[in-house]
Amino acid sequence: DTSPAAMLKLALVQGINTHCQGVPRPVWHAARIVAARHEDCGPC
C-alpha cells in the first residue's frame, strides 16, 4: 500500500531466499531457522 515499487524490489530478492545448491536441504533449512530465531521474531 505504501510503495508497490518497494515490494517489487523485495520480491526480486526472493531468489536468494530459495537458493540451495551443493548442500543438503535440511542443513540449509537448519541454518535459516537459527538465523530467523536470532532476529527474535517468533512468527518469522
PDB file of all heavy atoms in Angstrom:
ATOM      1  N   ASP A   1       0.822  -1.215   0.000  1.00  0.00           N
ATOM      2  CA  ASP A   1       0.000   0.000   0.000  1.00  0.00           C
ATOM      3  C   ASP A   1       0.854   1.263   0.000  1.00  0.00           C
ATOM      4  O   ASP A   1       0.500   2.253  -0.631  1.00  0.00           O
ATOM      5  CB  ASP A   1      -0.937   0.017   1.213  1.00  0.00           C
ATOM      6  CG  ASP A   1      -2.024  -1.044   1.109  1.00  0.00           C
ATOM      7  OD1 ASP A   1      -2.324  -1.496  -0.019  1.00  0.00           O
ATOM      8  OD2 ASP A   1      -2.558  -1.437   2.169  1.00  0.00           O
ATOM      9  N   THR A   2       1.980   1.218   0.691  1.00  0.00           N
ATOM     10  CA  THR A   2       2.870   2.375   0.775  1.00  0.00           C
ATOM     11  C   THR A   2       3.674   2.560  -0.498  1.00  0.00           C
ATOM     12  O   THR A   2       3.808   3.676  -1.006  1.00  0.00           O
ATOM     13  CB  THR A   2       3.836   2.220   1.967  1.00  0.00           C
ATOM     14  OG1 THR A   2       3.067   2.092   3.158  1.00  0.00           O
ATOM     15  CG2 THR A   2       4.779   3.400   2.089  1.00  0.00           C
ATOM     16  N   SER A   3       4.227   1.433  -0.995  1.00  0.00           N
ATOM     17  CA  SER A   3       5.105   1.529  -2.157  1.00  0.00           C
ATOM     18  C   SER A   3       5.165   0.199  -2.905  1.00  0.00           C
ATOM     19  O   SER A   3       5.960  -0.681  -2.558  1.00  0.00           O
ATOM     20  CB  SER A   3       6.519   1.926  -1.717  1.00  0.00           C
ATOM     21  OG  SER A   3       7.399   1.882  -2.829  1.00  0.00           O
ATOM     22  N   PRO A   4       4.329   0.033  -3.922  1.00  0.00           N
ATOM     23  CA  PRO A   4       4.410  -1.197  -4.715  1.00  0.00           C
ATOM     24  C   PRO A   4       5.813  -1.412  -5.288  1.00  0.00           C
ATOM     25  O   PRO A   4       6.277  -2.543  -5.390  1.00  0.00           O
ATOM     26  CB  PRO A   4       3.383  -0.992  -5.828  1.00  0.00           C
ATOM     27  CG  PRO A   4       2.437   0.030  -5.305  1.00  0.00           C
ATOM     28  CD  PRO A   4       3.255   0.905  -4.392  1.00  0.00           C
ATOM     29  N   ALA A   5       6.500  -0.331  -5.597  1.00  0.00           N
ATOM     30  CA  ALA A   5       7.863  -0.458  -6.130  1.00  0.00           C
ATOM     31  C   ALA A   5       8.787  -1.093  -5.095  1.00  0.00           C
ATOM     32  O   ALA A   5       9.630  -1.932  -5.435  1.00  0.00           O
ATOM     33  CB  ALA A   5       8.398   0.912  -6.555  1.00  0.00           C
ATOM     34  N   ALA A   6       8.635  -0.715  -3.830  1.00  0.00           N
ATOM     35  CA  ALA A   6       9.456  -1.316  -2.769  1.00  0.00           C
ATOM     36  C   ALA A   6       9.147  -2.808  -2.643  1.00  0.00           C
ATOM     37  O   ALA A   6      10.055  -3.630  -2.474  1.00  0.00           O
ATOM     38  CB  ALA A   6       9.208  -0.610  -1.440  1.00  0.00           C
ATOM     39  N   MET A   7       7.870  -3.164  -2.735  1.00  0.00           N
ATOM     40  CA  MET A   7       7.501  -4.580  -2.638  1.00  0.00           C
ATOM     41  C   MET A   7       8.055  -5.362  -3.818  1.00  0.00           C
ATOM     42  O   MET A   7       8.513  -6.501  -3.653  1.00  0.00           O
ATOM     43  CB  MET A   7       5.981  -4.726  -2.556  1.00  0.00           C
ATOM     44  CG  MET A   7       5.519  -6.146  -2.296  1.00  0.00           C
ATOM     45  SD  MET A   7       6.125  -6.755  -0.702  1.00  0.00           S
ATOM     46  CE  MET A   7       6.015  -8.505  -0.982  1.00  0.00           C
ATOM     47  N   LEU A   8       8.023  -4.781  -5.004  1.00  0.00           N
ATOM     48  CA  LEU A   8       8.589  -5.459  -6.177  1.00  0.00           C
ATOM     49  C   LEU A   8      10.094  -5.689  -6.003  1.00  0.00           C
ATOM     50  O   LEU A   8      10.615  -6.750  -6.351  1.00  0.00           O
ATOM     51  CB  LEU A   8       8.323  -4.666  -7.443  1.00  0.00           C
ATOM     52  CG  LEU A   8       6.901  -4.735  -7.977  1.00  0.00           C
ATOM     53  CD1 LEU A   8       6.730  -3.780  -9.149  1.00  0.00           C
ATOM     54  CD2 LEU A   8       6.532  -6.156  -8.378  1.00  0.00           C
ATOM     55  N   LYS A   9      10.782  -4.707  -5.449  1.00  0.00           N
ATOM     56  CA  LYS A   9      12.217  -4.866  -5.204  1.00  0.00           C
ATOM     57  C   LYS A   9      12.469  -5.947  -4.160  1.00  0.00           C
ATOM     58  O   LYS A   9      13.408  -6.738  -4.290  1.00  0.00           O
ATOM     59  CB  LYS A   9      12.821  -3.532  -4.788  1.00  0.00           C
ATOM     60  CG  LYS A   9      12.879  -2.546  -5.933  1.00  0.00           C
ATOM     61  CD  LYS A   9      13.323  -1.169  -5.488  1.00  0.00           C
ATOM     62  CE  LYS A   9      13.254  -0.210  -6.673  1.00  0.00           C
ATOM     63  NZ  LYS A   9      13.460   1.171  -6.279  1.00  0.00           N
ATOM     64  N   LEU A  10      11.627  -5.995  -3.143  1.00  0.00           N
ATOM     65  CA  LEU A  10      11.738  -7.062  -2.142  1.00  0.00           C
ATOM     66  C   LEU A  10      11.490  -8.421  -2.794  1.00  0.00           C
ATOM     67  O   LEU A  10      12.193  -9.398  -2.504  1.00  0.00           O
ATOM     68  CB  LEU A  10      10.756  -6.832  -0.992  1.00  0.00           C
ATOM     69  CG  LEU A  10      10.797  -7.856   0.132  1.00  0.00           C
ATOM     70  CD1 LEU A  10      12.148  -7.853   0.833  1.00  0.00           C
ATOM     71  CD2 LEU A  10       9.675  -7.569   1.134  1.00  0.00           C
ATOM     72  N   ALA A  11      10.534  -8.475  -3.687  1.00  0.00           N
ATOM     73  CA  ALA A  11      10.240  -9.732  -4.388  1.00  0.00           C
ATOM     74  C   ALA A  11      11.428 -10.194  -5.225  1.00  0.00           C
ATOM     75  O   ALA A  11      11.685 -11.399  -5.341  1.00  0.00           O
ATOM     76  CB  ALA A  11       8.994  -9.574  -5.257  1.00  0.00           C
ATOM     77  N   LEU A  12      12.158  -9.250  -5.781  1.00  0.00           N
ATOM     78  CA  LEU A  12      13.337  -9.611  -6.571  1.00  0.00           C
ATOM     79  C   LEU A  12      14.407 -10.285  -5.715  1.00  0.00           C
ATOM     80  O   LEU A  12      15.161 -11.119  -6.201  1.00  0.00           O
ATOM     81  CB  LEU A  12      13.920  -8.373  -7.257  1.00  0.00           C
ATOM     82  CG  LEU A  12      13.094  -7.787  -8.389  1.00  0.00           C
ATOM     83  CD1 LEU A  12      13.715  -6.480  -8.875  1.00  0.00           C
ATOM     84  CD2 LEU A  12      12.952  -8.780  -9.532  1.00  0.00           C
ATOM     85  N   VAL A  13      14.462  -9.929  -4.449  1.00  0.00           N
ATOM     86  CA  VAL A  13      15.432 -10.516  -3.521  1.00  0.00           C
ATOM     87  C   VAL A  13      15.066 -11.970  -3.193  1.00  0.00           C
ATOM     88  O   VAL A  13      15.904 -12.735  -2.753  1.00  0.00           O
ATOM     89  CB  VAL A  13      15.502  -9.662  -2.233  1.00  0.00           C
ATOM     90  CG1 VAL A  13      16.385 -10.293  -1.182  1.00  0.00           C
ATOM     91  CG2 VAL A  13      15.984  -8.267  -2.549  1.00  0.00           C
ATOM     92  N   GLN A  14      13.827 -12.330  -3.437  1.00  0.00           N
ATOM     93  CA  GLN A  14      13.358 -13.669  -3.077  1.00  0.00           C
ATOM     94  C   GLN A  14      14.190 -14.789  -3.695  1.00  0.00           C
ATOM     95  O   GLN A  14      14.218 -15.892  -3.161  1.00  0.00           O
ATOM     96  CB  GLN A  14      11.888 -13.848  -3.462  1.00  0.00           C
ATOM     97  CG  GLN A  14      10.949 -13.217  -2.478  1.00  0.00           C
ATOM     98  CD  GLN A  14      11.060 -13.862  -1.128  1.00  0.00           C
ATOM     99  OE1 GLN A  14      11.840 -13.447  -0.284  1.00  0.00           O
ATOM    100  NE2 GLN A  14      10.307 -14.905  -0.907  1.00  0.00           N
ATOM    101  N   GLY A  15      14.872 -14.540  -4.778  1.00  0.00           N
ATOM    102  CA  GLY A  15      15.704 -15.571  -5.383  1.00  0.00           C
ATOM    103  C   GLY A  15      16.748 -16.102  -4.425  1.00  0.00           C
ATOM    104  O   GLY A  15      17.039 -17.298  -4.406  1.00  0.00           O
ATOM    105  N   ILE A  16      17.309 -15.222  -3.589  1.00  0.00           N
ATOM    106  CA  ILE A  16      18.300 -15.697  -2.620  1.00  0.00           C
ATOM    107  C   ILE A  16      17.648 -16.478  -1.493  1.00  0.00           C
ATOM    108  O   ILE A  16      18.298 -17.251  -0.813  1.00  0.00           O
ATOM    109  CB  ILE A  16      19.179 -14.558  -2.045  1.00  0.00           C
ATOM    110  CG1 ILE A  16      18.397 -13.627  -1.132  1.00  0.00           C
ATOM    111  CG2 ILE A  16      19.878 -13.811  -3.147  1.00  0.00           C
ATOM    112  CD1 ILE A  16      19.263 -12.672  -0.330  1.00  0.00           C
ATOM    113  N   ASN A  17      16.366 -16.272  -1.321  1.00  0.00           N
ATOM    114  CA  ASN A  17      15.605 -16.948  -0.268  1.00  0.00           C
ATOM    115  C   ASN A  17      15.356 -18.420  -0.597  1.00  0.00           C
ATOM    116  O   ASN A  17      14.899 -19.168   0.259  1.00  0.00           O
ATOM    117  CB  ASN A  17      14.281 -16.207  -0.070  1.00  0.00           C
ATOM    118  CG  ASN A  17      13.652 -16.463   1.262  1.00  0.00           C
ATOM    119  OD1 ASN A  17      14.323 -16.748   2.240  1.00  0.00           O
ATOM    120  ND2 ASN A  17      12.344 -16.350   1.306  1.00  0.00           N
ATOM    121  N   THR A  18      15.642 -18.816  -1.816  1.00  0.00           N
ATOM    122  CA  THR A  18      15.365 -20.195  -2.234  1.00  0.00           C
ATOM    123  C   THR A  18      16.590 -20.908  -2.786  1.00  0.00           C
ATOM    124  O   THR A  18      16.504 -22.074  -3.146  1.00  0.00           O
ATOM    125  CB  THR A  18      14.261 -20.217  -3.309  1.00  0.00           C
ATOM    126  OG1 THR A  18      14.696 -19.448  -4.430  1.00  0.00           O
ATOM    127  CG2 THR A  18      12.946 -19.655  -2.773  1.00  0.00           C
ATOM    128  N   HIS A  19      17.725 -20.233  -2.847  1.00  0.00           N
ATOM    129  CA  HIS A  19      18.924 -20.827  -3.448  1.00  0.00           C
ATOM    130  C   HIS A  19      19.548 -21.856  -2.507  1.00  0.00           C
ATOM    131  O   HIS A  19      19.993 -21.531  -1.413  1.00  0.00           O
ATOM    132  CB  HIS A  19      19.951 -19.744  -3.785  1.00  0.00           C
ATOM    133  CG  HIS A  19      21.170 -20.305  -4.436  1.00  0.00           C
ATOM    134  ND1 HIS A  19      21.203 -20.623  -5.780  1.00  0.00           N
ATOM    135  CD2 HIS A  19      22.377 -20.642  -3.933  1.00  0.00           C
ATOM    136  CE1 HIS A  19      22.392 -21.124  -6.067  1.00  0.00           C
ATOM    137  NE2 HIS A  19      23.125 -21.139  -4.966  1.00  0.00           N
ATOM    138  N   CYS A  20      19.551 -23.094  -2.952  1.00  0.00           N
ATOM    139  CA  CYS A  20      20.145 -24.173  -2.160  1.00  0.00           C
ATOM    140  C   CYS A  20      20.834 -25.124  -3.129  1.00  0.00           C
ATOM    141  O   CYS A  20      20.189 -25.952  -3.764  1.00  0.00           O
ATOM    142  CB  CYS A  20      19.086 -24.898  -1.340  1.00  0.00           C
ATOM    143  SG  CYS A  20      19.776 -26.210  -0.312  1.00  0.00           S
ATOM    144  N   GLN A  21      22.145 -24.985  -3.230  1.00  0.00           N
ATOM    145  CA  GLN A  21      22.930 -25.784  -4.157  1.00  0.00           C
ATOM    146  C   GLN A  21      24.169 -26.284  -3.424  1.00  0.00           C
ATOM    147  O   GLN A  21      24.842 -25.528  -2.724  1.00  0.00           O
ATOM    148  CB  GLN A  21      23.336 -24.912  -5.342  1.00  0.00           C
ATOM    149  CG  GLN A  21      24.240 -25.562  -6.338  1.00  0.00           C
ATOM    150  CD  GLN A  21      24.685 -24.571  -7.414  1.00  0.00           C
ATOM    151  OE1 GLN A  21      24.316 -23.407  -7.418  1.00  0.00           O
ATOM    152  NE2 GLN A  21      25.500 -25.056  -8.324  1.00  0.00           N
ATOM    153  N   GLY A  22      24.464 -27.559  -3.568  1.00  0.00           N
ATOM    154  CA  GLY A  22      25.691 -28.102  -3.010  1.00  0.00           C
ATOM    155  C   GLY A  22      25.629 -28.467  -1.545  1.00  0.00           C
ATOM    156  O   GLY A  22      26.625 -28.884  -0.969  1.00  0.00           O
ATOM    157  N   VAL A  23      24.489 -28.297  -0.940  1.00  0.00           N
ATOM    158  CA  VAL A  23      24.319 -28.605   0.480  1.00  0.00           C
ATOM    159  C   VAL A  23      22.952 -29.279   0.652  1.00  0.00           C
ATOM    160  O   VAL A  23      21.986 -28.900  -0.018  1.00  0.00           O
ATOM    161  CB  VAL A  23      24.444 -27.318   1.339  1.00  0.00           C
ATOM    162  CG1 VAL A  23      23.333 -26.346   1.068  1.00  0.00           C
ATOM    163  CG2 VAL A  23      24.537 -27.632   2.811  1.00  0.00           C
ATOM    164  N   PRO A  24      22.851 -30.285   1.522  1.00  0.00           N
ATOM    165  CA  PRO A  24      21.535 -30.901   1.740  1.00  0.00           C
ATOM    166  C   PRO A  24      20.519 -29.883   2.271  1.00  0.00           C
ATOM    167  O   PRO A  24      20.838 -29.028   3.091  1.00  0.00           O
ATOM    168  CB  PRO A  24      21.826 -31.990   2.789  1.00  0.00           C
ATOM    169  CG  PRO A  24      23.287 -32.274   2.658  1.00  0.00           C
ATOM    170  CD  PRO A  24      23.912 -30.957   2.279  1.00  0.00           C
ATOM    171  N   ARG A  25      19.305 -29.993   1.792  1.00  0.00           N
ATOM    172  CA  ARG A  25      18.267 -29.034   2.175  1.00  0.00           C
ATOM    173  C   ARG A  25      18.048 -28.962   3.689  1.00  0.00           C
ATOM    174  O   ARG A  25      17.850 -27.871   4.224  1.00  0.00           O
ATOM    175  CB  ARG A  25      16.973 -29.326   1.418  1.00  0.00           C
ATOM    176  CG  ARG A  25      17.199 -29.041  -0.097  1.00  0.00           C
ATOM    177  CD  ARG A  25      15.939 -28.961  -0.888  1.00  0.00           C
ATOM    178  NE  ARG A  25      15.138 -27.793  -0.601  1.00  0.00           N
ATOM    179  CZ  ARG A  25      15.336 -26.572  -1.136  1.00  0.00           C
ATOM    180  NH1 ARG A  25      16.351 -26.337  -1.932  1.00  0.00           N
ATOM    181  NH2 ARG A  25      14.513 -25.595  -0.851  1.00  0.00           N
ATOM    182  N   PRO A  26      18.093 -30.069   4.426  1.00  0.00           N
ATOM    183  CA  PRO A  26      17.919 -29.947   5.884  1.00  0.00           C
ATOM    184  C   PRO A  26      18.996 -29.079   6.546  1.00  0.00           C
ATOM    185  O   PRO A  26      18.706 -28.352   7.500  1.00  0.00           O
ATOM    186  CB  PRO A  26      17.988 -31.393   6.379  1.00  0.00           C
ATOM    187  CG  PRO A  26      17.539 -32.204   5.207  1.00  0.00           C
ATOM    188  CD  PRO A  26      18.090 -31.475   4.003  1.00  0.00           C
ATOM    189  N   VAL A  27      20.210 -29.126   6.044  1.00  0.00           N
ATOM    190  CA  VAL A  27      21.286 -28.294   6.589  1.00  0.00           C
ATOM    191  C   VAL A  27      20.977 -26.828   6.313  1.00  0.00           C
ATOM    192  O   VAL A  27      21.098 -25.969   7.196  1.00  0.00           O
ATOM    193  CB  VAL A  27      22.649 -28.698   5.970  1.00  0.00           C
ATOM    194  CG1 VAL A  27      23.764 -27.788   6.470  1.00  0.00           C
ATOM    195  CG2 VAL A  27      22.954 -30.161   6.257  1.00  0.00           C
ATOM    196  N   TRP A  28      20.550 -26.546   5.093  1.00  0.00           N
ATOM    197  CA  TRP A  28      20.180 -25.197   4.677  1.00  0.00           C
ATOM    198  C   TRP A  28      19.011 -24.675   5.519  1.00  0.00           C
ATOM    199  O   TRP A  28      19.045 -23.555   6.025  1.00  0.00           O
ATOM    200  CB  TRP A  28      19.841 -25.237   3.189  1.00  0.00           C
ATOM    201  CG  TRP A  28      19.460 -23.955   2.546  1.00  0.00           C
ATOM    202  CD1 TRP A  28      20.302 -22.955   2.141  1.00  0.00           C
ATOM    203  CD2 TRP A  28      18.135 -23.538   2.194  1.00  0.00           C
ATOM    204  NE1 TRP A  28      19.570 -21.944   1.554  1.00  0.00           N
ATOM    205  CE2 TRP A  28      18.252 -22.281   1.578  1.00  0.00           C
ATOM    206  CE3 TRP A  28      16.881 -24.113   2.336  1.00  0.00           C
ATOM    207  CZ2 TRP A  28      17.139 -21.584   1.106  1.00  0.00           C
ATOM    208  CZ3 TRP A  28      15.772 -23.420   1.873  1.00  0.00           C
ATOM    209  CH2 TRP A  28      15.917 -22.172   1.267  1.00  0.00           C
ATOM    210  N   HIS A  29      17.992 -25.517   5.689  1.00  0.00           N
ATOM    211  CA  HIS A  29      16.835 -25.101   6.500  1.00  0.00           C
ATOM    212  C   HIS A  29      17.238 -24.861   7.948  1.00  0.00           C
ATOM    213  O   HIS A  29      16.770 -23.904   8.576  1.00  0.00           O
ATOM    214  CB  HIS A  29      15.720 -26.154   6.438  1.00  0.00           C
ATOM    215  CG  HIS A  29      14.929 -26.126   5.183  1.00  0.00           C
ATOM    216  ND1 HIS A  29      14.186 -25.038   4.783  1.00  0.00           N
ATOM    217  CD2 HIS A  29      14.760 -27.073   4.228  1.00  0.00           C
ATOM    218  CE1 HIS A  29      13.575 -25.314   3.628  1.00  0.00           C
ATOM    219  NE2 HIS A  29      13.914 -26.534   3.271  1.00  0.00           N
ATOM    220  N   ALA A  30      18.096 -25.721   8.485  1.00  0.00           N
ATOM    221  CA  ALA A  30      18.537 -25.550   9.877  1.00  0.00           C
ATOM    222  C   ALA A  30      19.219 -24.198  10.055  1.00  0.00           C
ATOM    223  O   ALA A  30      18.947 -23.481  11.032  1.00  0.00           O
ATOM    224  CB  ALA A  30      19.478 -26.687  10.271  1.00  0.00           C
ATOM    225  N   ALA A  31      20.085 -23.838   9.133  1.00  0.00           N
ATOM    226  CA  ALA A  31      20.776 -22.550   9.215  1.00  0.00           C
ATOM    227  C   ALA A  31      19.778 -21.398   9.142  1.00  0.00           C
ATOM    228  O   ALA A  31      19.908 -20.401   9.872  1.00  0.00           O
ATOM    229  CB  ALA A  31      21.817 -22.442   8.100  1.00  0.00           C
ATOM    230  N   ARG A  32      18.758 -21.531   8.305  1.00  0.00           N
ATOM    231  CA  ARG A  32      17.744 -20.479   8.178  1.00  0.00           C
ATOM    232  C   ARG A  32      16.898 -20.357   9.448  1.00  0.00           C
ATOM    233  O   ARG A  32      16.549 -19.255   9.870  1.00  0.00           O
ATOM    234  CB  ARG A  32      16.850 -20.749   6.961  1.00  0.00           C
ATOM    235  CG  ARG A  32      17.601 -20.554   5.640  1.00  0.00           C
ATOM    236  CD  ARG A  32      16.762 -20.932   4.423  1.00  0.00           C
ATOM    237  NE  ARG A  32      15.393 -20.450   4.481  1.00  0.00           N
ATOM    238  CZ  ARG A  32      15.026 -19.173   4.278  1.00  0.00           C
ATOM    239  NH1 ARG A  32      15.920 -18.259   4.006  1.00  0.00           N
ATOM    240  NH2 ARG A  32      13.753 -18.835   4.330  1.00  0.00           N
ATOM    241  N   ILE A  33      16.573 -21.479  10.064  1.00  0.00           N
ATOM    242  CA  ILE A  33      15.803 -21.443  11.320  1.00  0.00           C
ATOM    243  C   ILE A  33      16.591 -20.701  12.389  1.00  0.00           C
ATOM    244  O   ILE A  33      16.059 -19.838  13.093  1.00  0.00           O
ATOM    245  CB  ILE A  33      15.444 -22.879  11.782  1.00  0.00           C
ATOM    246  CG1 ILE A  33      14.421 -23.506  10.827  1.00  0.00           C
ATOM    247  CG2 ILE A  33      14.902 -22.860  13.218  1.00  0.00           C
ATOM    248  CD1 ILE A  33      14.238 -25.017  11.014  1.00  0.00           C
ATOM    249  N   VAL A  34      17.868 -21.018  12.512  1.00  0.00           N
ATOM    250  CA  VAL A  34      18.718 -20.350  13.503  1.00  0.00           C
ATOM    251  C   VAL A  34      18.813 -18.857  13.215  1.00  0.00           C
ATOM    252  O   VAL A  34      18.726 -18.030  14.132  1.00  0.00           O
ATOM    253  CB  VAL A  34      20.119 -21.005  13.550  1.00  0.00           C
ATOM    254  CG1 VAL A  34      21.085 -20.185  14.404  1.00  0.00           C
ATOM    255  CG2 VAL A  34      20.011 -22.436  14.077  1.00  0.00           C
ATOM    256  N   ALA A  35      18.988 -18.489  11.955  1.00  0.00           N
ATOM    257  CA  ALA A  35      19.097 -17.070  11.597  1.00  0.00           C
ATOM    258  C   ALA A  35      17.809 -16.323  11.923  1.00  0.00           C
ATOM    259  O   ALA A  35      17.853 -15.213  12.482  1.00  0.00           O
ATOM    260  CB  ALA A  35      19.444 -16.928  10.117  1.00  0.00           C
ATOM    261  N   ALA A  36      16.663 -16.897  11.606  1.00  0.00           N
ATOM    262  CA  ALA A  36      15.382 -16.243  11.917  1.00  0.00           C
ATOM    263  C   ALA A  36      15.186 -16.152  13.426  1.00  0.00           C
ATOM    264  O   ALA A  36      14.748 -15.116  13.945  1.00  0.00           O
ATOM    265  CB  ALA A  36      14.227 -17.005  11.263  1.00  0.00           C
ATOM    266  N   ARG A  37      15.521 -17.222  14.132  1.00  0.00           N
ATOM    267  CA  ARG A  37      15.382 -17.236  15.588  1.00  0.00           C
ATOM    268  C   ARG A  37      16.248 -16.139  16.206  1.00  0.00           C
ATOM    269  O   ARG A  37      15.838 -15.473  17.148  1.00  0.00           O
ATOM    270  CB  ARG A  37      15.784 -18.603  16.137  1.00  0.00           C
ATOM    271  CG  ARG A  37      15.755 -18.669  17.659  1.00  0.00           C
ATOM    272  CD  ARG A  37      16.253 -19.997  18.186  1.00  0.00           C
ATOM    273  NE  ARG A  37      17.679 -20.108  17.920  1.00  0.00           N
ATOM    274  CZ  ARG A  37      18.313 -21.261  17.747  1.00  0.00           C
ATOM    275  NH1 ARG A  37      17.665 -22.401  17.792  1.00  0.00           N
ATOM    276  NH2 ARG A  37      19.601 -21.286  17.521  1.00  0.00           N
ATOM    277  N   HIS A  38      17.431 -15.945  15.664  1.00  0.00           N
ATOM    278  CA  HIS A  38      18.342 -14.930  16.203  1.00  0.00           C
ATOM    279  C   HIS A  38      17.733 -13.531  16.119  1.00  0.00           C
ATOM    280  O   HIS A  38      18.005 -12.681  16.966  1.00  0.00           O
ATOM    281  CB  HIS A  38      19.676 -14.962  15.456  1.00  0.00           C
ATOM    282  CG  HIS A  38      20.626 -13.923  15.926  1.00  0.00           C
ATOM    283  ND1 HIS A  38      21.317 -14.038  17.115  1.00  0.00           N
ATOM    284  CD2 HIS A  38      20.987 -12.732  15.404  1.00  0.00           C
ATOM    285  CE1 HIS A  38      22.063 -12.965  17.293  1.00  0.00           C
ATOM    286  NE2 HIS A  38      21.885 -12.158  16.267  1.00  0.00           N
ATOM    287  N   GLU A  39      16.902 -13.296  15.124  1.00  0.00           N
ATOM    288  CA  GLU A  39      16.269 -11.984  14.965  1.00  0.00           C
ATOM    289  C   GLU A  39      15.109 -11.788  15.930  1.00  0.00           C
ATOM    290  O   GLU A  39      14.507 -10.731  15.965  1.00  0.00           O
ATOM    291  CB  GLU A  39      15.799 -11.792  13.523  1.00  0.00           C
ATOM    292  CG  GLU A  39      16.934 -11.786  12.517  1.00  0.00           C
ATOM    293  CD  GLU A  39      17.987 -10.740  12.807  1.00  0.00           C
ATOM    294  OE1 GLU A  39      17.629  -9.585  13.105  1.00  0.00           O
ATOM    295  OE2 GLU A  39      19.179 -11.081  12.736  1.00  0.00           O
ATOM    296  N   ASP A  40      14.781 -12.820  16.712  1.00  0.00           N
ATOM    297  CA  ASP A  40      13.761 -12.761  17.758  1.00  0.00           C
ATOM    298  C   ASP A  40      12.370 -12.406  17.235  1.00  0.00           C
ATOM    299  O   ASP A  40      11.648 -11.628  17.833  1.00  0.00           O
ATOM    300  CB  ASP A  40      14.172 -11.784  18.866  1.00  0.00           C
ATOM    301  CG  ASP A  40      13.356 -11.997  20.147  1.00  0.00           C
ATOM    302  OD1 ASP A  40      12.952 -13.147  20.404  1.00  0.00           O
ATOM    303  OD2 ASP A  40      13.110 -11.016  20.866  1.00  0.00           O
ATOM    304  N   CYS A  41      12.033 -12.965  16.091  1.00  0.00           N
ATOM    305  CA  CYS A  41      10.688 -12.789  15.559  1.00  0.00           C
ATOM    306  C   CYS A  41      10.036 -14.166  15.503  1.00  0.00           C
ATOM    307  O   CYS A  41      10.338 -14.965  14.610  1.00  0.00           O
ATOM    308  CB  CYS A  41      10.730 -12.148  14.173  1.00  0.00           C
ATOM    309  SG  CYS A  41       9.075 -11.950  13.465  1.00  0.00           S
ATOM    310  N   GLY A  42       9.178 -14.447  16.462  1.00  0.00           N
ATOM    311  CA  GLY A  42       8.542 -15.760  16.544  1.00  0.00           C
ATOM    312  C   GLY A  42       7.767 -16.153  15.303  1.00  0.00           C
ATOM    313  O   GLY A  42       7.942 -17.256  14.784  1.00  0.00           O
ATOM    314  N   PRO A  43       6.898 -15.268  14.764  1.00  0.00           N
ATOM    315  CA  PRO A  43       6.141 -15.643  13.572  1.00  0.00           C
ATOM    316  C   PRO A  43       7.036 -15.931  12.361  1.00  0.00           C
ATOM    317  O   PRO A  43       6.759 -16.837  11.581  1.00  0.00           O
ATOM    318  CB  PRO A  43       5.231 -14.441  13.326  1.00  0.00           C
ATOM    319  CG  PRO A  43       5.038 -13.843  14.682  1.00  0.00           C
ATOM    320  CD  PRO A  43       6.368 -14.027  15.365  1.00  0.00           C
ATOM    321  N   CYS A  44       8.118 -15.167  12.211  1.00  0.00           N
ATOM    322  CA  CYS A  44       9.037 -15.432  11.091  1.00  0.00           C
ATOM    323  C   CYS A  44       9.740 -16.770  11.292  1.00  0.00           C
ATOM    324  O   CYS A  44       9.914 -17.536  10.340  1.00  0.00           O
ATOM    325  CB  CYS A  44      10.074 -14.324  10.960  1.00  0.00           C
ATOM    326  SG  CYS A  44       9.396 -12.771  10.338  1.00  0.00           S
TER     327      CYS A  44
END
